[in-house]
Amino acid sequence: MHWDLSHLGIYPMEKRGVFGILTHPLIHSGFSHLLANTLPLFFLSWCLFYFYRGIAGKIFILIWIGAGLLTFIIGKPGWHIGASGLIYGLAFFLFFSGILRKYVPLIAISLLVTFLYGGIIWHMFPYFSPANMSWEGHLSGGIMGTLCALAFVNHGPQRPEPFADEKDDDEEEEENPKEEFSNQDLCNASINNVIFAVNNLTEIANRIIPKNLRII
């Protein structure tokens, strides 16, 4: 049985397409379309929620809704369905966010995304996209991903301060001399006590042992 759920997608600038802003990433034209989107969506979502776990939920929802809203505004007449806009948004966010934060692990993710999905950028333009492909959805996702990367650049994981470890070491060095002085005082006191005890034992021995007795 064939289920046609395309009416749950986005139909730009018409009332019947408003609900699709929420539901369009869940609707696909067939199994091949669903499979083509599932693997990249799973991988990019995993990267987002693993490396940006503090803000991942907000980013995901903003890209989902924002890309759908932009597609509703700029899309050509027709039903726009599929999770490609969400995929483009995640890819663009991961790329630009890593570059803007200048944090090595996140830059590595940016380069990985570029290596795996760099070619998708061409499908953001009508000249390189098939007639039945929603390049507007792709473009909308890319725009939302970029905007989220800029808006959240000061939130989530940040590059560590380059001299933070040196400051901690300096603080430890400032504290350690006090401990060394206290240990030195204890050592000196112990030595003085030993010397004092030896002197006392020597005086006692001189009193007890006869003067004409020689010990060898």
N, C-alpha and C. Protein backbone atom coordinates (compact mmCIF):
# COMPACT_ATOMS: atom_id res chain seq x y z
N MET A 1 0.85 -1.20 0.00
CA MET A 1 0.00 0.00 0.00
C MET A 1 0.88 1.24 0.00
N HIS A 2 0.53 2.19 -0.83
CA HIS A 2 1.31 3.41 -0.95
C HIS A 2 0.62 4.53 -0.19
N TRP A 3 1.34 5.10 0.75
CA TRP A 3 0.80 6.20 1.54
C TRP A 3 1.39 7.50 1.05
N ASP A 4 0.53 8.41 0.57
CA ASP A 4 0.97 9.72 0.10
C ASP A 4 0.78 10.73 1.23
N LEU A 5 1.90 11.10 1.87
CA LEU A 5 1.86 12.04 2.99
C LEU A 5 2.48 13.37 2.62
N SER A 6 2.58 13.61 1.33
CA SER A 6 3.24 14.85 0.89
C SER A 6 2.49 16.10 1.36
N HIS A 7 1.18 15.95 1.65
CA HIS A 7 0.41 17.10 2.11
C HIS A 7 0.82 17.55 3.51
N LEU A 8 1.68 16.76 4.15
CA LEU A 8 2.24 17.16 5.45
C LEU A 8 3.56 17.92 5.29
N GLY A 9 3.94 18.17 4.06
CA GLY A 9 5.13 18.95 3.80
C GLY A 9 4.83 20.44 3.78
N ILE A 10 5.77 21.22 3.29
CA ILE A 10 5.63 22.67 3.21
C ILE A 10 5.13 23.06 1.83
N TYR A 11 4.08 23.85 1.81
CA TYR A 11 3.65 24.46 0.56
C TYR A 11 3.82 25.96 0.74
N PRO A 12 4.83 26.54 0.10
CA PRO A 12 5.21 27.93 0.38
C PRO A 12 4.07 28.93 0.20
N MET A 13 3.97 29.81 1.18
CA MET A 13 3.09 30.98 1.17
C MET A 13 1.61 30.63 1.01
N GLU A 14 1.24 29.44 1.44
CA GLU A 14 -0.16 29.06 1.48
C GLU A 14 -0.50 28.47 2.83
N LYS A 15 -1.74 28.68 3.25
CA LYS A 15 -2.16 28.24 4.58
C LYS A 15 -2.02 26.73 4.75
N ARG A 16 -2.28 25.99 3.70
CA ARG A 16 -2.21 24.53 3.80
C ARG A 16 -0.79 24.01 4.02
N GLY A 17 0.21 24.87 3.79
CA GLY A 17 1.59 24.44 3.96
C GLY A 17 2.23 24.88 5.26
N VAL A 18 1.47 25.59 6.12
CA VAL A 18 2.05 26.09 7.37
C VAL A 18 2.41 24.94 8.31
N PHE A 19 1.52 23.97 8.44
CA PHE A 19 1.78 22.86 9.36
C PHE A 19 3.03 22.08 8.96
N GLY A 20 3.35 22.10 7.68
CA GLY A 20 4.53 21.38 7.19
C GLY A 20 5.84 21.93 7.72
N ILE A 21 5.81 23.16 8.25
CA ILE A 21 7.04 23.71 8.86
C ILE A 21 7.51 22.81 9.99
N LEU A 22 6.57 22.19 10.68
CA LEU A 22 6.89 21.29 11.79
C LEU A 22 7.12 19.85 11.34
N THR A 23 6.41 19.42 10.30
CA THR A 23 6.40 18.00 9.96
C THR A 23 7.22 17.62 8.73
N HIS A 24 7.67 18.60 7.93
CA HIS A 24 8.29 18.25 6.64
C HIS A 24 9.53 17.37 6.76
N PRO A 25 10.39 17.48 7.84
CA PRO A 25 11.56 16.59 7.87
C PRO A 25 11.19 15.12 8.08
N LEU A 26 9.95 14.86 8.51
CA LEU A 26 9.54 13.48 8.78
C LEU A 26 8.94 12.80 7.55
N ILE A 27 8.68 13.56 6.51
CA ILE A 27 7.99 13.04 5.33
C ILE A 27 8.99 12.86 4.19
N HIS A 28 8.95 11.68 3.55
CA HIS A 28 9.85 11.41 2.43
C HIS A 28 9.06 10.76 1.28
N SER A 29 9.62 10.90 0.11
CA SER A 29 8.92 10.42 -1.08
C SER A 29 8.98 8.91 -1.24
N GLY A 30 9.92 8.27 -0.58
CA GLY A 30 10.04 6.82 -0.68
C GLY A 30 11.18 6.31 0.19
N PHE A 31 11.39 5.00 0.13
CA PHE A 31 12.41 4.39 0.99
C PHE A 31 13.81 4.87 0.64
N SER A 32 14.09 5.02 -0.66
CA SER A 32 15.42 5.46 -1.08
C SER A 32 15.69 6.89 -0.59
N HIS A 33 14.67 7.74 -0.66
CA HIS A 33 14.81 9.10 -0.15
C HIS A 33 15.05 9.09 1.36
N LEU A 34 14.30 8.26 2.07
CA LEU A 34 14.46 8.14 3.52
C LEU A 34 15.84 7.62 3.89
N LEU A 35 16.31 6.60 3.20
CA LEU A 35 17.61 6.02 3.49
C LEU A 35 18.73 7.01 3.20
N ALA A 36 18.59 7.77 2.12
CA ALA A 36 19.63 8.75 1.75
C ALA A 36 19.78 9.83 2.82
N ASN A 37 18.69 10.15 3.51
CA ASN A 37 18.75 11.19 4.54
C ASN A 37 19.05 10.65 5.93
N THR A 38 18.75 9.39 6.18
CA THR A 38 18.87 8.84 7.53
C THR A 38 20.31 8.79 8.00
N LEU A 39 21.20 8.27 7.18
CA LEU A 39 22.59 8.10 7.60
C LEU A 39 23.28 9.43 7.90
N PRO A 40 23.25 10.43 7.01
CA PRO A 40 23.88 11.71 7.35
C PRO A 40 23.19 12.41 8.51
N LEU A 41 21.87 12.29 8.61
CA LEU A 41 21.16 12.93 9.72
C LEU A 41 21.59 12.30 11.04
N PHE A 42 21.73 10.99 11.08
CA PHE A 42 22.16 10.32 12.30
C PHE A 42 23.58 10.73 12.68
N PHE A 43 24.48 10.74 11.72
CA PHE A 43 25.88 11.07 12.01
C PHE A 43 26.02 12.52 12.47
N LEU A 44 25.41 13.46 11.74
CA LEU A 44 25.54 14.87 12.09
C LEU A 44 24.85 15.18 13.42
N SER A 45 23.74 14.52 13.68
CA SER A 45 23.06 14.71 14.97
C SER A 45 23.92 14.19 16.10
N TRP A 46 24.58 13.06 15.88
CA TRP A 46 25.48 12.52 16.91
C TRP A 46 26.62 13.49 17.20
N CYS A 47 27.21 14.06 16.15
CA CYS A 47 28.28 15.04 16.34
C CYS A 47 27.78 16.24 17.13
N LEU A 48 26.59 16.71 16.79
CA LEU A 48 26.04 17.88 17.48
C LEU A 48 25.82 17.59 18.96
N PHE A 49 25.17 16.49 19.28
CA PHE A 49 24.80 16.20 20.68
C PHE A 49 26.00 15.70 21.48
N TYR A 50 27.04 15.24 20.83
CA TYR A 50 28.23 14.80 21.57
C TYR A 50 29.16 15.97 21.87
N PHE A 51 29.45 16.79 20.88
CA PHE A 51 30.42 17.87 21.06
C PHE A 51 29.79 19.17 21.55
N TYR A 52 28.48 19.31 21.36
CA TYR A 52 27.80 20.55 21.79
C TYR A 52 26.62 20.20 22.70
N ARG A 53 26.82 19.25 23.58
CA ARG A 53 25.70 18.69 24.34
C ARG A 53 24.95 19.74 25.16
N GLY A 54 25.63 20.81 25.59
CA GLY A 54 24.96 21.83 26.39
C GLY A 54 23.95 22.66 25.61
N ILE A 55 24.16 22.81 24.32
CA ILE A 55 23.29 23.66 23.50
C ILE A 55 22.69 22.89 22.32
N ALA A 56 22.93 21.59 22.25
CA ALA A 56 22.54 20.81 21.08
C ALA A 56 21.03 20.84 20.86
N GLY A 57 20.25 20.71 21.92
CA GLY A 57 18.80 20.70 21.78
C GLY A 57 18.27 21.99 21.17
N LYS A 58 18.77 23.12 21.64
CA LYS A 58 18.33 24.41 21.11
C LYS A 58 18.72 24.55 19.63
N ILE A 59 19.94 24.16 19.31
CA ILE A 59 20.40 24.26 17.93
C ILE A 59 19.54 23.40 17.01
N PHE A 60 19.27 22.18 17.42
CA PHE A 60 18.50 21.24 16.61
C PHE A 60 17.11 21.79 16.32
N ILE A 61 16.45 22.29 17.34
CA ILE A 61 15.09 22.81 17.18
C ILE A 61 15.08 24.07 16.32
N LEU A 62 16.04 24.96 16.57
CA LEU A 62 16.11 26.20 15.80
C LEU A 62 16.33 25.93 14.31
N ILE A 63 17.21 24.98 14.00
CA ILE A 63 17.45 24.65 12.59
C ILE A 63 16.20 24.00 11.99
N TRP A 64 15.58 23.10 12.73
CA TRP A 64 14.37 22.41 12.25
C TRP A 64 13.29 23.44 11.88
N ILE A 65 12.96 24.30 12.85
CA ILE A 65 11.88 25.26 12.64
C ILE A 65 12.31 26.38 11.68
N GLY A 66 13.53 26.90 11.88
CA GLY A 66 13.99 28.02 11.06
C GLY A 66 14.12 27.67 9.60
N ALA A 67 14.68 26.49 9.32
CA ALA A 67 14.82 26.08 7.92
C ALA A 67 13.46 25.88 7.27
N GLY A 68 12.52 25.33 8.04
CA GLY A 68 11.17 25.16 7.51
C GLY A 68 10.49 26.49 7.23
N LEU A 69 10.69 27.44 8.13
CA LEU A 69 10.07 28.76 7.95
C LEU A 69 10.66 29.48 6.74
N LEU A 70 11.97 29.41 6.58
CA LEU A 70 12.59 30.05 5.42
C LEU A 70 12.14 29.39 4.12
N THR A 71 12.01 28.08 4.13
CA THR A 71 11.53 27.37 2.94
C THR A 71 10.11 27.79 2.61
N PHE A 72 9.30 27.99 3.63
CA PHE A 72 7.93 28.44 3.43
C PHE A 72 7.89 29.83 2.77
N ILE A 73 8.90 30.65 3.07
CA ILE A 73 8.93 32.02 2.54
C ILE A 73 9.50 32.08 1.13
N ILE A 74 10.60 31.36 0.89
CA ILE A 74 11.31 31.53 -0.38
C ILE A 74 11.09 30.38 -1.36
N GLY A 75 10.41 29.33 -0.94
CA GLY A 75 10.26 28.16 -1.80
C GLY A 75 9.36 28.40 -3.00
N LYS A 76 9.61 27.63 -4.04
CA LYS A 76 8.76 27.70 -5.23
C LYS A 76 7.49 26.90 -4.95
N PRO A 77 6.41 27.17 -5.67
CA PRO A 77 5.15 26.46 -5.44
C PRO A 77 5.32 24.95 -5.59
N GLY A 78 4.75 24.21 -4.65
CA GLY A 78 4.88 22.77 -4.63
C GLY A 78 5.13 22.28 -3.22
N TRP A 79 5.03 20.98 -3.03
CA TRP A 79 5.23 20.40 -1.71
C TRP A 79 6.72 20.13 -1.49
N HIS A 80 7.24 20.67 -0.41
CA HIS A 80 8.65 20.48 -0.03
C HIS A 80 8.69 19.52 1.16
N ILE A 81 9.32 18.37 0.95
CA ILE A 81 9.37 17.35 2.00
C ILE A 81 10.81 16.85 2.15
N GLY A 82 11.08 16.19 3.28
CA GLY A 82 12.39 15.58 3.52
C GLY A 82 13.20 16.31 4.57
N ALA A 83 14.20 15.61 5.08
CA ALA A 83 15.06 16.14 6.15
C ALA A 83 16.33 16.78 5.61
N SER A 84 16.40 17.01 4.31
CA SER A 84 17.63 17.56 3.74
C SER A 84 17.96 18.94 4.30
N GLY A 85 16.94 19.77 4.51
CA GLY A 85 17.19 21.09 5.07
C GLY A 85 17.81 21.01 6.46
N LEU A 86 17.33 20.07 7.25
CA LEU A 86 17.89 19.86 8.58
C LEU A 86 19.33 19.37 8.49
N ILE A 87 19.60 18.50 7.55
CA ILE A 87 20.96 17.98 7.35
C ILE A 87 21.91 19.12 6.95
N TYR A 88 21.46 19.95 6.03
CA TYR A 88 22.30 21.09 5.62
C TYR A 88 22.54 22.03 6.80
N GLY A 89 21.52 22.25 7.60
CA GLY A 89 21.68 23.13 8.76
C GLY A 89 22.69 22.59 9.76
N LEU A 90 22.63 21.30 10.03
CA LEU A 90 23.58 20.69 10.96
C LEU A 90 24.99 20.74 10.41
N ALA A 91 25.13 20.44 9.12
CA ALA A 91 26.46 20.44 8.50
C ALA A 91 27.08 21.84 8.55
N PHE A 92 26.29 22.85 8.23
CA PHE A 92 26.81 24.22 8.23
C PHE A 92 27.11 24.69 9.65
N PHE A 93 26.28 24.30 10.60
CA PHE A 93 26.56 24.69 11.98
C PHE A 93 27.87 24.07 12.47
N LEU A 94 28.04 22.78 12.25
CA LEU A 94 29.25 22.10 12.71
C LEU A 94 30.49 22.68 12.04
N PHE A 95 30.38 23.02 10.78
CA PHE A 95 31.53 23.56 10.08
C PHE A 95 31.91 24.94 10.62
N PHE A 96 30.97 25.88 10.59
CA PHE A 96 31.28 27.25 10.98
C PHE A 96 31.52 27.38 12.49
N SER A 97 30.83 26.59 13.28
CA SER A 97 31.03 26.68 14.73
C SER A 97 32.44 26.28 15.12
N GLY A 98 32.96 25.21 14.51
CA GLY A 98 34.32 24.79 14.81
C GLY A 98 35.35 25.82 14.38
N ILE A 99 35.13 26.43 13.22
CA ILE A 99 36.06 27.45 12.73
C ILE A 99 36.03 28.69 13.62
N LEU A 100 34.85 29.13 13.99
CA LEU A 100 34.72 30.35 14.79
C LEU A 100 35.28 30.19 16.20
N ARG A 101 35.14 29.00 16.78
CA ARG A 101 35.60 28.78 18.14
C ARG A 101 37.11 28.55 18.23
N LYS A 102 37.72 28.18 17.11
CA LYS A 102 39.17 27.97 17.05
C LYS A 102 39.65 26.96 18.09
N TYR A 103 38.84 25.94 18.30
CA TYR A 103 39.15 24.88 19.27
C TYR A 103 39.45 23.61 18.48
N VAL A 104 40.61 23.04 18.68
CA VAL A 104 41.13 21.98 17.81
C VAL A 104 40.16 20.82 17.61
N PRO A 105 39.56 20.24 18.68
CA PRO A 105 38.63 19.12 18.42
C PRO A 105 37.45 19.52 17.55
N LEU A 106 36.95 20.74 17.73
CA LEU A 106 35.81 21.18 16.94
C LEU A 106 36.22 21.53 15.51
N ILE A 107 37.43 22.02 15.34
CA ILE A 107 37.95 22.26 13.99
C ILE A 107 38.10 20.94 13.25
N ALA A 108 38.51 19.90 13.98
CA ALA A 108 38.62 18.58 13.36
C ALA A 108 37.26 18.10 12.86
N ILE A 109 36.21 18.36 13.62
CA ILE A 109 34.86 18.00 13.17
C ILE A 109 34.48 18.81 11.94
N SER A 110 34.86 20.09 11.92
CA SER A 110 34.59 20.93 10.76
C SER A 110 35.24 20.34 9.50
N LEU A 111 36.48 19.92 9.64
CA LEU A 111 37.19 19.36 8.48
C LEU A 111 36.58 18.02 8.07
N LEU A 112 36.14 17.23 9.05
CA LEU A 112 35.51 15.95 8.73
C LEU A 112 34.20 16.16 7.98
N VAL A 113 33.41 17.11 8.45
CA VAL A 113 32.15 17.42 7.77
C VAL A 113 32.41 17.90 6.35
N THR A 114 33.44 18.73 6.19
CA THR A 114 33.80 19.21 4.84
C THR A 114 34.19 18.06 3.94
N PHE A 115 34.98 17.12 4.48
CA PHE A 115 35.44 15.99 3.70
C PHE A 115 34.27 15.08 3.28
N LEU A 116 33.33 14.85 4.21
CA LEU A 116 32.25 13.93 3.94
C LEU A 116 31.11 14.56 3.13
N TYR A 117 30.82 15.83 3.42
CA TYR A 117 29.62 16.43 2.85
C TYR A 117 29.89 17.75 2.13
N GLY A 118 31.13 18.00 1.79
CA GLY A 118 31.44 19.27 1.12
C GLY A 118 30.72 19.42 -0.21
N GLY A 119 30.45 18.31 -0.88
CA GLY A 119 29.82 18.38 -2.19
C GLY A 119 28.36 18.80 -2.16
N ILE A 120 27.73 18.77 -0.99
CA ILE A 120 26.30 19.09 -0.94
C ILE A 120 26.04 20.56 -1.20
N ILE A 121 27.08 21.37 -1.10
CA ILE A 121 26.88 22.81 -1.27
C ILE A 121 26.31 23.16 -2.65
N TRP A 122 26.63 22.33 -3.66
CA TRP A 122 26.16 22.63 -5.01
C TRP A 122 24.65 22.51 -5.13
N HIS A 123 24.04 21.70 -4.31
CA HIS A 123 22.59 21.52 -4.39
C HIS A 123 21.83 22.61 -3.64
N MET A 124 22.55 23.66 -3.26
CA MET A 124 21.90 24.83 -2.67
C MET A 124 21.54 25.86 -3.74
N PHE A 125 21.91 25.58 -4.97
CA PHE A 125 21.70 26.53 -6.06
C PHE A 125 20.88 25.86 -7.17
N PRO A 126 19.94 26.59 -7.73
CA PRO A 126 19.01 25.98 -8.71
C PRO A 126 19.70 25.46 -9.97
N TYR A 127 20.81 26.08 -10.35
CA TYR A 127 21.49 25.68 -11.58
C TYR A 127 22.04 24.26 -11.49
N PHE A 128 22.44 23.84 -10.27
CA PHE A 128 23.07 22.53 -10.09
C PHE A 128 22.11 21.49 -9.52
N SER A 129 20.85 21.86 -9.31
CA SER A 129 19.89 20.95 -8.68
C SER A 129 18.88 20.44 -9.69
N PRO A 130 18.47 19.18 -9.58
CA PRO A 130 17.40 18.67 -10.45
C PRO A 130 16.10 19.44 -10.23
N ALA A 131 15.22 19.36 -11.19
CA ALA A 131 13.98 20.15 -11.14
C ALA A 131 13.11 19.75 -9.95
N ASN A 132 13.15 18.47 -9.56
CA ASN A 132 12.29 18.01 -8.46
C ASN A 132 12.98 18.09 -7.10
N MET A 133 14.11 18.74 -7.02
CA MET A 133 14.85 18.86 -5.76
C MET A 133 14.61 20.25 -5.16
N SER A 134 14.36 20.29 -3.86
CA SER A 134 14.10 21.56 -3.18
C SER A 134 15.42 22.22 -2.79
N TRP A 135 15.99 22.96 -3.73
CA TRP A 135 17.23 23.67 -3.40
C TRP A 135 16.95 24.77 -2.39
N GLU A 136 15.70 25.27 -2.36
CA GLU A 136 15.35 26.28 -1.37
C GLU A 136 15.43 25.72 0.06
N GLY A 137 15.02 24.47 0.22
CA GLY A 137 15.14 23.83 1.53
C GLY A 137 16.58 23.67 1.95
N HIS A 138 17.43 23.29 1.00
CA HIS A 138 18.85 23.15 1.30
C HIS A 138 19.46 24.50 1.68
N LEU A 139 19.13 25.52 0.89
CA LEU A 139 19.66 26.86 1.16
C LEU A 139 19.17 27.37 2.52
N SER A 140 17.91 27.12 2.82
CA SER A 140 17.34 27.56 4.10
C SER A 140 18.06 26.88 5.27
N GLY A 141 18.33 25.59 5.13
CA GLY A 141 19.06 24.89 6.19
C GLY A 141 20.46 25.44 6.37
N GLY A 142 21.14 25.70 5.25
CA GLY A 142 22.49 26.26 5.34
C GLY A 142 22.51 27.62 6.01
N ILE A 143 21.52 28.44 5.68
CA ILE A 143 21.44 29.77 6.29
C ILE A 143 21.20 29.65 7.80
N MET A 144 20.27 28.79 8.20
CA MET A 144 19.97 28.65 9.62
C MET A 144 21.15 28.07 10.40
N GLY A 145 21.85 27.12 9.81
CA GLY A 145 23.02 26.55 10.47
C GLY A 145 24.10 27.59 10.69
N THR A 146 24.32 28.43 9.69
CA THR A 146 25.32 29.49 9.80
C THR A 146 24.92 30.52 10.84
N LEU A 147 23.65 30.92 10.85
CA LEU A 147 23.17 31.88 11.83
C LEU A 147 23.28 31.34 13.26
N CYS A 148 22.99 30.07 13.44
CA CYS A 148 23.11 29.46 14.78
C CYS A 148 24.57 29.41 15.22
N ALA A 149 25.47 29.13 14.29
CA ALA A 149 26.90 29.11 14.63
C ALA A 149 27.36 30.48 15.10
N LEU A 150 26.86 31.53 14.46
CA LEU A 150 27.24 32.89 14.84
C LEU A 150 26.57 33.29 16.16
N ALA A 151 25.31 32.94 16.33
CA ALA A 151 24.57 33.36 17.52
C ALA A 151 25.05 32.66 18.78
N PHE A 152 25.52 31.41 18.66
CA PHE A 152 25.91 30.62 19.83
C PHE A 152 27.42 30.48 19.96
N VAL A 153 28.17 31.37 19.32
CA VAL A 153 29.63 31.22 19.34
C VAL A 153 30.20 31.34 20.75
N ASN A 154 29.53 32.07 21.62
CA ASN A 154 30.01 32.23 23.00
C ASN A 154 29.34 31.28 23.98
N HIS A 155 28.59 30.33 23.47
CA HIS A 155 27.91 29.35 24.30
C HIS A 155 28.41 27.95 23.93
N GLY A 156 28.32 27.04 24.90
CA GLY A 156 28.78 25.69 24.64
C GLY A 156 30.28 25.56 24.82
N PRO A 157 30.90 24.57 24.21
CA PRO A 157 32.34 24.33 24.40
C PRO A 157 33.17 25.49 23.88
N GLN A 158 34.22 25.83 24.63
CA GLN A 158 35.10 26.93 24.26
C GLN A 158 36.55 26.47 24.30
N ARG A 159 37.39 27.17 23.56
CA ARG A 159 38.82 26.87 23.58
C ARG A 159 39.39 27.25 24.94
N PRO A 160 40.18 26.37 25.58
CA PRO A 160 40.79 26.70 26.86
C PRO A 160 41.74 27.89 26.73
N GLU A 161 41.87 28.68 27.80
CA GLU A 161 42.82 29.78 27.79
C GLU A 161 44.24 29.24 27.66
N PRO A 162 45.05 29.82 26.78
CA PRO A 162 46.38 29.25 26.51
C PRO A 162 47.31 29.26 27.71
N PHE A 163 47.13 30.22 28.66
CA PHE A 163 48.05 30.34 29.79
C PHE A 163 47.39 29.93 31.10
N ALA A 164 46.26 29.25 31.02
CA ALA A 164 45.56 28.86 32.24
C ALA A 164 46.40 27.88 33.07
N ASP A 165 47.04 26.91 32.40
CA ASP A 165 47.85 25.93 33.13
C ASP A 165 49.06 26.59 33.78
N GLU A 166 49.66 27.57 33.09
CA GLU A 166 50.82 28.25 33.66
C GLU A 166 50.43 29.05 34.90
N LYS A 167 49.23 29.64 34.87
CA LYS A 167 48.77 30.37 36.04
C LYS A 167 48.58 29.45 37.23
N ASP A 168 48.03 28.27 36.97
CA ASP A 168 47.84 27.30 38.05
C ASP A 168 49.18 26.86 38.62
N ASP A 169 50.17 26.66 37.73
CA ASP A 169 51.48 26.26 38.21
C ASP A 169 52.12 27.35 39.06
N ASP A 170 51.95 28.60 38.64
CA ASP A 170 52.50 29.72 39.41
C ASP A 170 51.86 29.81 40.79
N GLU A 171 50.55 29.58 40.85
CA GLU A 171 49.86 29.62 42.13
C GLU A 171 50.35 28.50 43.04
N GLU A 172 50.58 27.33 42.46
CA GLU A 172 51.07 26.21 43.27
C GLU A 172 52.47 26.50 43.78
N GLU A 173 53.30 27.13 42.92
CA GLU A 173 54.66 27.45 43.33
C GLU A 173 54.67 28.49 44.45
N GLU A 174 53.69 29.41 44.41
CA GLU A 174 53.61 30.41 45.47
C GLU A 174 53.19 29.80 46.79
N GLU A 175 52.39 28.75 46.72
CA GLU A 175 51.94 28.09 47.94
C GLU A 175 52.98 27.13 48.48
N ASN A 176 53.74 26.49 47.61
CA ASN A 176 54.70 25.48 48.04
C ASN A 176 55.82 26.03 48.92
N PRO A 177 56.39 27.23 48.68
CA PRO A 177 57.46 27.72 49.56
C PRO A 177 57.05 27.78 51.01
N LYS A 178 55.78 28.13 51.29
CA LYS A 178 55.32 28.16 52.67
C LYS A 178 55.40 26.78 53.30
N GLU A 179 55.01 25.78 52.52
CA GLU A 179 55.07 24.42 53.02
C GLU A 179 56.52 24.00 53.23
N GLU A 180 57.41 24.42 52.31
CA GLU A 180 58.81 24.05 52.45
C GLU A 180 59.42 24.69 53.69
N PHE A 181 59.07 25.95 53.96
CA PHE A 181 59.60 26.61 55.14
C PHE A 181 59.10 25.92 56.40
N SER A 182 57.86 25.54 56.41
CA SER A 182 57.33 24.88 57.61
C SER A 182 58.00 23.53 57.81
N ASN A 183 58.24 22.80 56.74
CA ASN A 183 58.93 21.51 56.86
C ASN A 183 60.37 21.70 57.32
N GLN A 184 61.03 22.76 56.83
CA GLN A 184 62.40 23.05 57.23
C GLN A 184 62.47 23.38 58.73
N ASP A 185 61.48 24.14 59.21
CA ASP A 185 61.43 24.48 60.63
C ASP A 185 61.28 23.23 61.48
N LEU A 186 60.41 22.32 61.04
CA LEU A 186 60.22 21.08 61.78
C LEU A 186 61.50 20.25 61.81
N CYS A 187 62.20 20.24 60.66
CA CYS A 187 63.45 19.47 60.59
C CYS A 187 64.50 20.05 61.53
N ASN A 188 64.63 21.38 61.54
CA ASN A 188 65.61 22.03 62.42
C ASN A 188 65.28 21.77 63.89
N ALA A 189 63.99 21.82 64.19
CA ALA A 189 63.58 21.58 65.58
C ALA A 189 63.91 20.15 66.00
N SER A 190 63.69 19.22 65.09
CA SER A 190 64.00 17.81 65.40
C SER A 190 65.50 17.62 65.63
N ILE A 191 66.32 18.25 64.80
CA ILE A 191 67.78 18.13 64.95
C ILE A 191 68.22 18.73 66.28
N ASN A 192 67.65 19.88 66.64
CA ASN A 192 68.01 20.51 67.92
C ASN A 192 67.62 19.64 69.09
N ASN A 193 66.47 18.98 68.98
CA ASN A 193 66.05 18.08 70.06
C ASN A 193 66.99 16.89 70.20
N VAL A 194 67.43 16.37 69.06
CA VAL A 194 68.37 15.23 69.10
C VAL A 194 69.69 15.65 69.74
N ILE A 195 70.20 16.82 69.31
CA ILE A 195 71.46 17.31 69.88
C ILE A 195 71.34 17.53 71.38
N PHE A 196 70.22 18.11 71.78
CA PHE A 196 69.98 18.35 73.21
C PHE A 196 69.96 17.04 73.99
N ALA A 197 69.30 16.02 73.41
CA ALA A 197 69.23 14.73 74.09
C ALA A 197 70.60 14.08 74.17
N VAL A 198 71.39 14.18 73.12
CA VAL A 198 72.75 13.60 73.14
C VAL A 198 73.60 14.28 74.20
N ASN A 199 73.53 15.59 74.32
CA ASN A 199 74.30 16.32 75.33
C ASN A 199 73.91 15.88 76.73
N ASN A 200 72.61 15.69 76.94
CA ASN A 200 72.16 15.26 78.26
C ASN A 200 72.68 13.86 78.58
N LEU A 201 72.62 12.97 77.58
CA LEU A 201 73.12 11.61 77.81
C LEU A 201 74.63 11.63 78.09
N THR A 202 75.36 12.51 77.43
CA THR A 202 76.81 12.61 77.64
C THR A 202 77.13 13.06 79.05
N GLU A 203 76.38 14.05 79.53
CA GLU A 203 76.61 14.52 80.90
C GLU A 203 76.30 13.43 81.92
N ILE A 204 75.22 12.69 81.67
CA ILE A 204 74.87 11.61 82.61
C ILE A 204 75.93 10.53 82.60
N ALA A 205 76.43 10.19 81.39
CA ALA A 205 77.47 9.15 81.30
C ALA A 205 78.74 9.58 82.02
N ASN A 206 79.12 10.85 81.93
CA ASN A 206 80.34 11.34 82.58
C ASN A 206 80.22 11.25 84.10
N ARG A 207 79.03 11.40 84.60
CA ARG A 207 78.83 11.32 86.04
C ARG A 207 78.87 9.89 86.55
N ILE A 208 78.34 9.00 85.71
CA ILE A 208 78.24 7.61 86.16
C ILE A 208 79.55 6.86 85.97
N ILE A 209 80.20 7.01 84.84
CA ILE A 209 81.40 6.23 84.52
C ILE A 209 82.59 6.84 85.25
N PRO A 210 83.37 6.03 85.92
CA PRO A 210 84.59 6.54 86.59
C PRO A 210 85.54 7.19 85.59
N LYS A 211 86.28 8.19 86.09
CA LYS A 211 87.17 8.94 85.21
C LYS A 211 88.33 8.11 84.71
N ASN A 212 88.77 7.10 85.52
CA ASN A 212 89.92 6.31 85.11
C ASN A 212 89.55 5.12 84.22
N LEU A 213 88.25 5.00 83.90
CA LEU A 213 87.78 3.90 83.06
C LEU A 213 87.82 4.32 81.60
N ARG A 214 88.43 3.43 80.77
CA ARG A 214 88.52 3.72 79.34
C ARG A 214 87.60 2.75 78.57
N ILE A 215 86.83 3.31 77.75
CA ILE A 215 85.90 2.50 76.95
C ILE A 215 86.43 2.41 75.54
N ILE A 216 86.50 1.14 75.02
CA ILE A 216 86.99 0.98 73.65
C ILE A 216 85.91 0.32 72.81
